[in-house]
Amino acid sequence: MLMTPLCNFVERLEMELTNTKNLLTDIEARQADLTSEMEHVESVSRILNRVARNSDESKQK
């Protein structure tokens, strides 16, 4: 009689573990996306800074 509640408990634990692993995988994927997006934003920022510097240098000449 004890086995049924114990089996149910173990099954719920396994489901929670699977859900937690899936959530962690999703979080890692989102983190990778954000890292990629930040690299892109930094690249655009560097380009814009270069353009602004070149524009300032042209105005000074």
PDB file of N, CA and C in Angstrom:
ATOM      1  N   MET A   1       0.801  -1.203   0.000  1.00  0.00           N
ATOM      2  CA  MET A   1       0.000   0.000   0.000  1.00  0.00           C
ATOM      3  C   MET A   1       0.841   1.264   0.000  1.00  0.00           C
ATOM      4  N   LEU A   2       1.969   1.189   0.620  1.00  0.00           N
ATOM      5  CA  LEU A   2       2.845   2.354   0.638  1.00  0.00           C
ATOM      6  C   LEU A   2       3.481   2.621  -0.714  1.00  0.00           C
ATOM      7  N   MET A   3       3.591   1.595  -1.507  1.00  0.00           N
ATOM      8  CA  MET A   3       4.300   1.739  -2.783  1.00  0.00           C
ATOM      9  C   MET A   3       3.594   2.693  -3.742  1.00  0.00           C
ATOM     10  N   THR A   4       2.286   2.692  -3.773  1.00  0.00           N
ATOM     11  CA  THR A   4       1.574   3.561  -4.710  1.00  0.00           C
ATOM     12  C   THR A   4       1.834   5.041  -4.429  1.00  0.00           C
ATOM     13  N   PRO A   5       1.695   5.514  -3.189  1.00  0.00           N
ATOM     14  CA  PRO A   5       2.019   6.925  -2.937  1.00  0.00           C
ATOM     15  C   PRO A   5       3.488   7.236  -3.217  1.00  0.00           C
ATOM     16  N   LEU A   6       4.353   6.289  -2.865  1.00  0.00           N
ATOM     17  CA  LEU A   6       5.778   6.499  -3.109  1.00  0.00           C
ATOM     18  C   LEU A   6       6.064   6.563  -4.607  1.00  0.00           C
ATOM     19  N   CYS A   7       5.461   5.673  -5.375  1.00  0.00           N
ATOM     20  CA  CYS A   7       5.635   5.685  -6.837  1.00  0.00           C
ATOM     21  C   CYS A   7       5.105   6.986  -7.435  1.00  0.00           C
ATOM     22  N   ASN A   8       3.957   7.433  -6.950  1.00  0.00           N
ATOM     23  CA  ASN A   8       3.401   8.703  -7.434  1.00  0.00           C
ATOM     24  C   ASN A   8       4.333   9.862  -7.115  1.00  0.00           C
ATOM     25  N   PHE A   9       4.882   9.830  -5.913  1.00  0.00           N
ATOM     26  CA  PHE A   9       5.808  10.883  -5.503  1.00  0.00           C
ATOM     27  C   PHE A   9       7.047  10.891  -6.396  1.00  0.00           C
ATOM     28  N   VAL A  10       7.597   9.721  -6.651  1.00  0.00           N
ATOM     29  CA  VAL A  10       8.786   9.609  -7.504  1.00  0.00           C
ATOM     30  C   VAL A  10       8.463  10.073  -8.922  1.00  0.00           C
ATOM     31  N   GLU A  11       7.303   9.713  -9.431  1.00  0.00           N
ATOM     32  CA  GLU A  11       6.900  10.163 -10.768  1.00  0.00           C
ATOM     33  C   GLU A  11       6.794  11.685 -10.826  1.00  0.00           C
ATOM     34  N   ARG A  12       6.224  12.284  -9.775  1.00  0.00           N
ATOM     35  CA  ARG A  12       6.116  13.751  -9.743  1.00  0.00           C
ATOM     36  C   ARG A  12       7.498  14.393  -9.684  1.00  0.00           C
ATOM     37  N   LEU A  13       8.385  13.793  -8.900  1.00  0.00           N
ATOM     38  CA  LEU A  13       9.756  14.308  -8.835  1.00  0.00           C
ATOM     39  C   LEU A  13      10.437  14.234 -10.198  1.00  0.00           C
ATOM     40  N   GLU A  14      10.252  13.127 -10.890  1.00  0.00           N
ATOM     41  CA  GLU A  14      10.840  12.974 -12.224  1.00  0.00           C
ATOM     42  C   GLU A  14      10.279  14.014 -13.185  1.00  0.00           C
ATOM     43  N   MET A  15       8.972  14.264 -13.096  1.00  0.00           N
ATOM     44  CA  MET A  15       8.361  15.282 -13.964  1.00  0.00           C
ATOM     45  C   MET A  15       8.913  16.669 -13.635  1.00  0.00           C
ATOM     46  N   GLU A  16       9.048  16.967 -12.355  1.00  0.00           N
ATOM     47  CA  GLU A  16       9.592  18.267 -11.954  1.00  0.00           C
ATOM     48  C   GLU A  16      11.038  18.414 -12.408  1.00  0.00           C
ATOM     49  N   LEU A  17      11.797  17.343 -12.317  1.00  0.00           N
ATOM     50  CA  LEU A  17      13.183  17.375 -12.771  1.00  0.00           C
ATOM     51  C   LEU A  17      13.250  17.630 -14.272  1.00  0.00           C
ATOM     52  N   THR A  18      12.397  16.956 -15.024  1.00  0.00           N
ATOM     53  CA  THR A  18      12.339  17.168 -16.474  1.00  0.00           C
ATOM     54  C   THR A  18      11.946  18.606 -16.790  1.00  0.00           C
ATOM     55  N   ASN A  19      10.938  19.114 -16.086  1.00  0.00           N
ATOM     56  CA  ASN A  19      10.510  20.503 -16.303  1.00  0.00           C
ATOM     57  C   ASN A  19      11.625  21.483 -15.976  1.00  0.00           C
ATOM     58  N   THR A  20      12.338  21.213 -14.898  1.00  0.00           N
ATOM     59  CA  THR A  20      13.443  22.091 -14.501  1.00  0.00           C
ATOM     60  C   THR A  20      14.558  22.062 -15.543  1.00  0.00           C
ATOM     61  N   LYS A  21      14.870  20.875 -16.054  1.00  0.00           N
ATOM     62  CA  LYS A  21      15.899  20.763 -17.097  1.00  0.00           C
ATOM     63  C   LYS A  21      15.476  21.523 -18.352  1.00  0.00           C
ATOM     64  N   ASN A  22      14.201  21.393 -18.728  1.00  0.00           N
ATOM     65  CA  ASN A  22      13.700  22.112 -19.904  1.00  0.00           C
ATOM     66  C   ASN A  22      13.767  23.622 -19.696  1.00  0.00           C
ATOM     67  N   LEU A  23      13.400  24.058 -18.508  1.00  0.00           N
ATOM     68  CA  LEU A  23      13.463  25.481 -18.194  1.00  0.00           C
ATOM     69  C   LEU A  23      14.897  25.984 -18.261  1.00  0.00           C
ATOM     70  N   LEU A  24      15.822  25.222 -17.718  1.00  0.00           N
ATOM     71  CA  LEU A  24      17.231  25.602 -17.764  1.00  0.00           C
ATOM     72  C   LEU A  24      17.726  25.689 -19.205  1.00  0.00           C
ATOM     73  N   THR A  25      17.322  24.743 -20.039  1.00  0.00           N
ATOM     74  CA  THR A  25      17.699  24.770 -21.453  1.00  0.00           C
ATOM     75  C   THR A  25      17.156  26.027 -22.129  1.00  0.00           C
ATOM     76  N   ASP A  26      15.904  26.375 -21.825  1.00  0.00           N
ATOM     77  CA  ASP A  26      15.309  27.598 -22.386  1.00  0.00           C
ATOM     78  C   ASP A  26      16.061  28.839 -21.925  1.00  0.00           C
ATOM     79  N   ILE A  27      16.402  28.877 -20.654  1.00  0.00           N
ATOM     80  CA  ILE A  27      17.131  30.032 -20.110  1.00  0.00           C
ATOM     81  C   ILE A  27      18.494  30.152 -20.773  1.00  0.00           C
ATOM     82  N   GLU A  28      19.180  29.035 -20.944  1.00  0.00           N
ATOM     83  CA  GLU A  28      20.495  29.062 -21.591  1.00  0.00           C
ATOM     84  C   GLU A  28      20.384  29.552 -23.030  1.00  0.00           C
ATOM     85  N   ALA A  29      19.345  29.120 -23.737  1.00  0.00           N
ATOM     86  CA  ALA A  29      19.151  29.564 -25.123  1.00  0.00           C
ATOM     87  C   ALA A  29      18.865  31.061 -25.168  1.00  0.00           C
ATOM     88  N   ARG A  30      18.041  31.548 -24.252  1.00  0.00           N
ATOM     89  CA  ARG A  30      17.744  32.985 -24.211  1.00  0.00           C
ATOM     90  C   ARG A  30      18.988  33.784 -23.858  1.00  0.00           C
ATOM     91  N   GLN A  31      19.795  33.244 -22.955  1.00  0.00           N
ATOM     92  CA  GLN A  31      21.033  33.925 -22.583  1.00  0.00           C
ATOM     93  C   GLN A  31      21.963  34.020 -23.796  1.00  0.00           C
ATOM     94  N   ALA A  32      22.048  32.949 -24.572  1.00  0.00           N
ATOM     95  CA  ALA A  32      22.879  32.963 -25.777  1.00  0.00           C
ATOM     96  C   ALA A  32      22.351  33.992 -26.775  1.00  0.00           C
ATOM     97  N   ASP A  33      21.022  34.066 -26.919  1.00  0.00           N
ATOM     98  CA  ASP A  33      20.426  35.064 -27.810  1.00  0.00           C
ATOM     99  C   ASP A  33      20.754  36.478 -27.343  1.00  0.00           C
ATOM    100  N   LEU A  34      20.645  36.706 -26.036  1.00  0.00           N
ATOM    101  CA  LEU A  34      20.939  38.037 -25.495  1.00  0.00           C
ATOM    102  C   LEU A  34      22.411  38.394 -25.663  1.00  0.00           C
ATOM    103  N   THR A  35      23.279  37.419 -25.473  1.00  0.00           N
ATOM    104  CA  THR A  35      24.710  37.658 -25.662  1.00  0.00           C
ATOM    105  C   THR A  35      24.988  38.046 -27.107  1.00  0.00           C
ATOM    106  N   SER A  36      24.387  37.325 -28.028  1.00  0.00           N
ATOM    107  CA  SER A  36      24.549  37.636 -29.448  1.00  0.00           C
ATOM    108  C   SER A  36      24.009  39.026 -29.769  1.00  0.00           C
ATOM    109  N   GLU A  37      22.856  39.348 -29.223  1.00  0.00           N
ATOM    110  CA  GLU A  37      22.253  40.669 -29.455  1.00  0.00           C
ATOM    111  C   GLU A  37      23.133  41.780 -28.887  1.00  0.00           C
ATOM    112  N   MET A  38      23.694  41.564 -27.698  1.00  0.00           N
ATOM    113  CA  MET A  38      24.581  42.565 -27.091  1.00  0.00           C
ATOM    114  C   MET A  38      25.830  42.773 -27.952  1.00  0.00           C
ATOM    115  N   GLU A  39      26.383  41.697 -28.485  1.00  0.00           N
ATOM    116  CA  GLU A  39      27.548  41.818 -29.361  1.00  0.00           C
ATOM    117  C   GLU A  39      27.191  42.634 -30.596  1.00  0.00           C
ATOM    118  N   HIS A  40      26.006  42.411 -31.138  1.00  0.00           N
ATOM    119  CA  HIS A  40      25.555  43.164 -32.308  1.00  0.00           C
ATOM    120  C   HIS A  40      25.403  44.649 -31.961  1.00  0.00           C
ATOM    121  N   VAL A  41      24.779  44.934 -30.822  1.00  0.00           N
ATOM    122  CA  VAL A  41      24.588  46.329 -30.396  1.00  0.00           C
ATOM    123  C   VAL A  41      25.938  47.009 -30.185  1.00  0.00           C
ATOM    124  N   GLU A  42      26.879  46.312 -29.567  1.00  0.00           N
ATOM    125  CA  GLU A  42      28.214  46.882 -29.354  1.00  0.00           C
ATOM    126  C   GLU A  42      28.906  47.153 -30.685  1.00  0.00           C
ATOM    127  N   SER A  43      28.731  46.260 -31.648  1.00  0.00           N
ATOM    128  CA  SER A  43      29.322  46.454 -32.968  1.00  0.00           C
ATOM    129  C   SER A  43      28.736  47.685 -33.651  1.00  0.00           C
ATOM    130  N   VAL A  44      27.419  47.823 -33.601  1.00  0.00           N
ATOM    131  CA  VAL A  44      26.763  48.992 -34.193  1.00  0.00           C
ATOM    132  C   VAL A  44      27.227  50.259 -33.491  1.00  0.00           C
ATOM    133  N   SER A  45      27.361  50.197 -32.176  1.00  0.00           N
ATOM    134  CA  SER A  45      27.822  51.353 -31.407  1.00  0.00           C
ATOM    135  C   SER A  45      29.232  51.765 -31.833  1.00  0.00           C
ATOM    136  N   ARG A  46      30.116  50.792 -32.019  1.00  0.00           N
ATOM    137  CA  ARG A  46      31.486  51.111 -32.466  1.00  0.00           C
ATOM    138  C   ARG A  46      31.464  51.771 -33.845  1.00  0.00           C
ATOM    139  N   ILE A  47      30.641  51.250 -34.741  1.00  0.00           N
ATOM    140  CA  ILE A  47      30.536  51.826 -36.087  1.00  0.00           C
ATOM    141  C   ILE A  47      30.036  53.261 -36.006  1.00  0.00           C
ATOM    142  N   LEU A  48      28.989  53.486 -35.218  1.00  0.00           N
ATOM    143  CA  LEU A  48      28.437  54.841 -35.087  1.00  0.00           C
ATOM    144  C   LEU A  48      29.448  55.797 -34.459  1.00  0.00           C
ATOM    145  N   ASN A  49      30.205  55.315 -33.492  1.00  0.00           N
ATOM    146  CA  ASN A  49      31.239  56.160 -32.887  1.00  0.00           C
ATOM    147  C   ASN A  49      32.311  56.529 -33.902  1.00  0.00           C
ATOM    148  N   ARG A  50      32.694  55.564 -34.737  1.00  0.00           N
ATOM    149  CA  ARG A  50      33.689  55.857 -35.780  1.00  0.00           C
ATOM    150  C   ARG A  50      33.160  56.893 -36.762  1.00  0.00           C
ATOM    151  N   VAL A  51      31.910  56.723 -37.170  1.00  0.00           N
ATOM    152  CA  VAL A  51      31.295  57.665 -38.110  1.00  0.00           C
ATOM    153  C   VAL A  51      31.242  59.055 -37.485  1.00  0.00           C
ATOM    154  N   ALA A  52      30.864  59.132 -36.222  1.00  0.00           N
ATOM    155  CA  ALA A  52      30.783  60.428 -35.536  1.00  0.00           C
ATOM    156  C   ALA A  52      32.162  61.065 -35.439  1.00  0.00           C
ATOM    157  N   ARG A  53      33.179  60.276 -35.121  1.00  0.00           N
ATOM    158  CA  ARG A  53      34.547  60.809 -35.039  1.00  0.00           C
ATOM    159  C   ARG A  53      35.015  61.318 -36.393  1.00  0.00           C
ATOM    160  N   ASN A  54      34.764  60.529 -37.441  1.00  0.00           N
ATOM    161  CA  ASN A  54      35.163  60.947 -38.788  1.00  0.00           C
ATOM    162  C   ASN A  54      34.434  62.219 -39.198  1.00  0.00           C
ATOM    163  N   SER A  55      33.180  62.330 -38.829  1.00  0.00           N
ATOM    164  CA  SER A  55      32.400  63.528 -39.141  1.00  0.00           C
ATOM    165  C   SER A  55      32.975  64.740 -38.417  1.00  0.00           C
ATOM    166  N   ASP A  56      33.329  64.561 -37.143  1.00  0.00           N
ATOM    167  CA  ASP A  56      33.925  65.657 -36.368  1.00  0.00           C
ATOM    168  C   ASP A  56      35.264  66.079 -36.961  1.00  0.00           C
ATOM    169  N   GLU A  57      36.068  65.100 -37.380  1.00  0.00           N
ATOM    170  CA  GLU A  57      37.370  65.409 -37.969  1.00  0.00           C
ATOM    171  C   GLU A  57      37.197  66.154 -39.285  1.00  0.00           C
ATOM    172  N   SER A  58      36.207  65.781 -40.077  1.00  0.00           N
ATOM    173  CA  SER A  58      35.953  66.456 -41.351  1.00  0.00           C
ATOM    174  C   SER A  58      35.528  67.897 -41.127  1.00  0.00           C
ATOM    175  N   LYS A  59      34.741  68.143 -40.102  1.00  0.00           N
ATOM    176  CA  LYS A  59      34.280  69.501 -39.811  1.00  0.00           C
ATOM    177  C   LYS A  59      35.425  70.390 -39.347  1.00  0.00           C
ATOM    178  N   GLN A  60      36.418  69.805 -38.685  1.00  0.00           N
ATOM    179  CA  GLN A  60      37.544  70.581 -38.173  1.00  0.00           C
ATOM    180  C   GLN A  60      38.512  70.977 -39.278  1.00  0.00           C
ATOM    181  N   LYS A  61      38.484  70.291 -40.398  1.00  0.00           N
ATOM    182  CA  LYS A  61      39.431  70.574 -41.492  1.00  0.00           C
ATOM    183  C   LYS A  61      39.028  71.743 -42.300  1.00  0.00           C
TER     184      LYS A  61
END
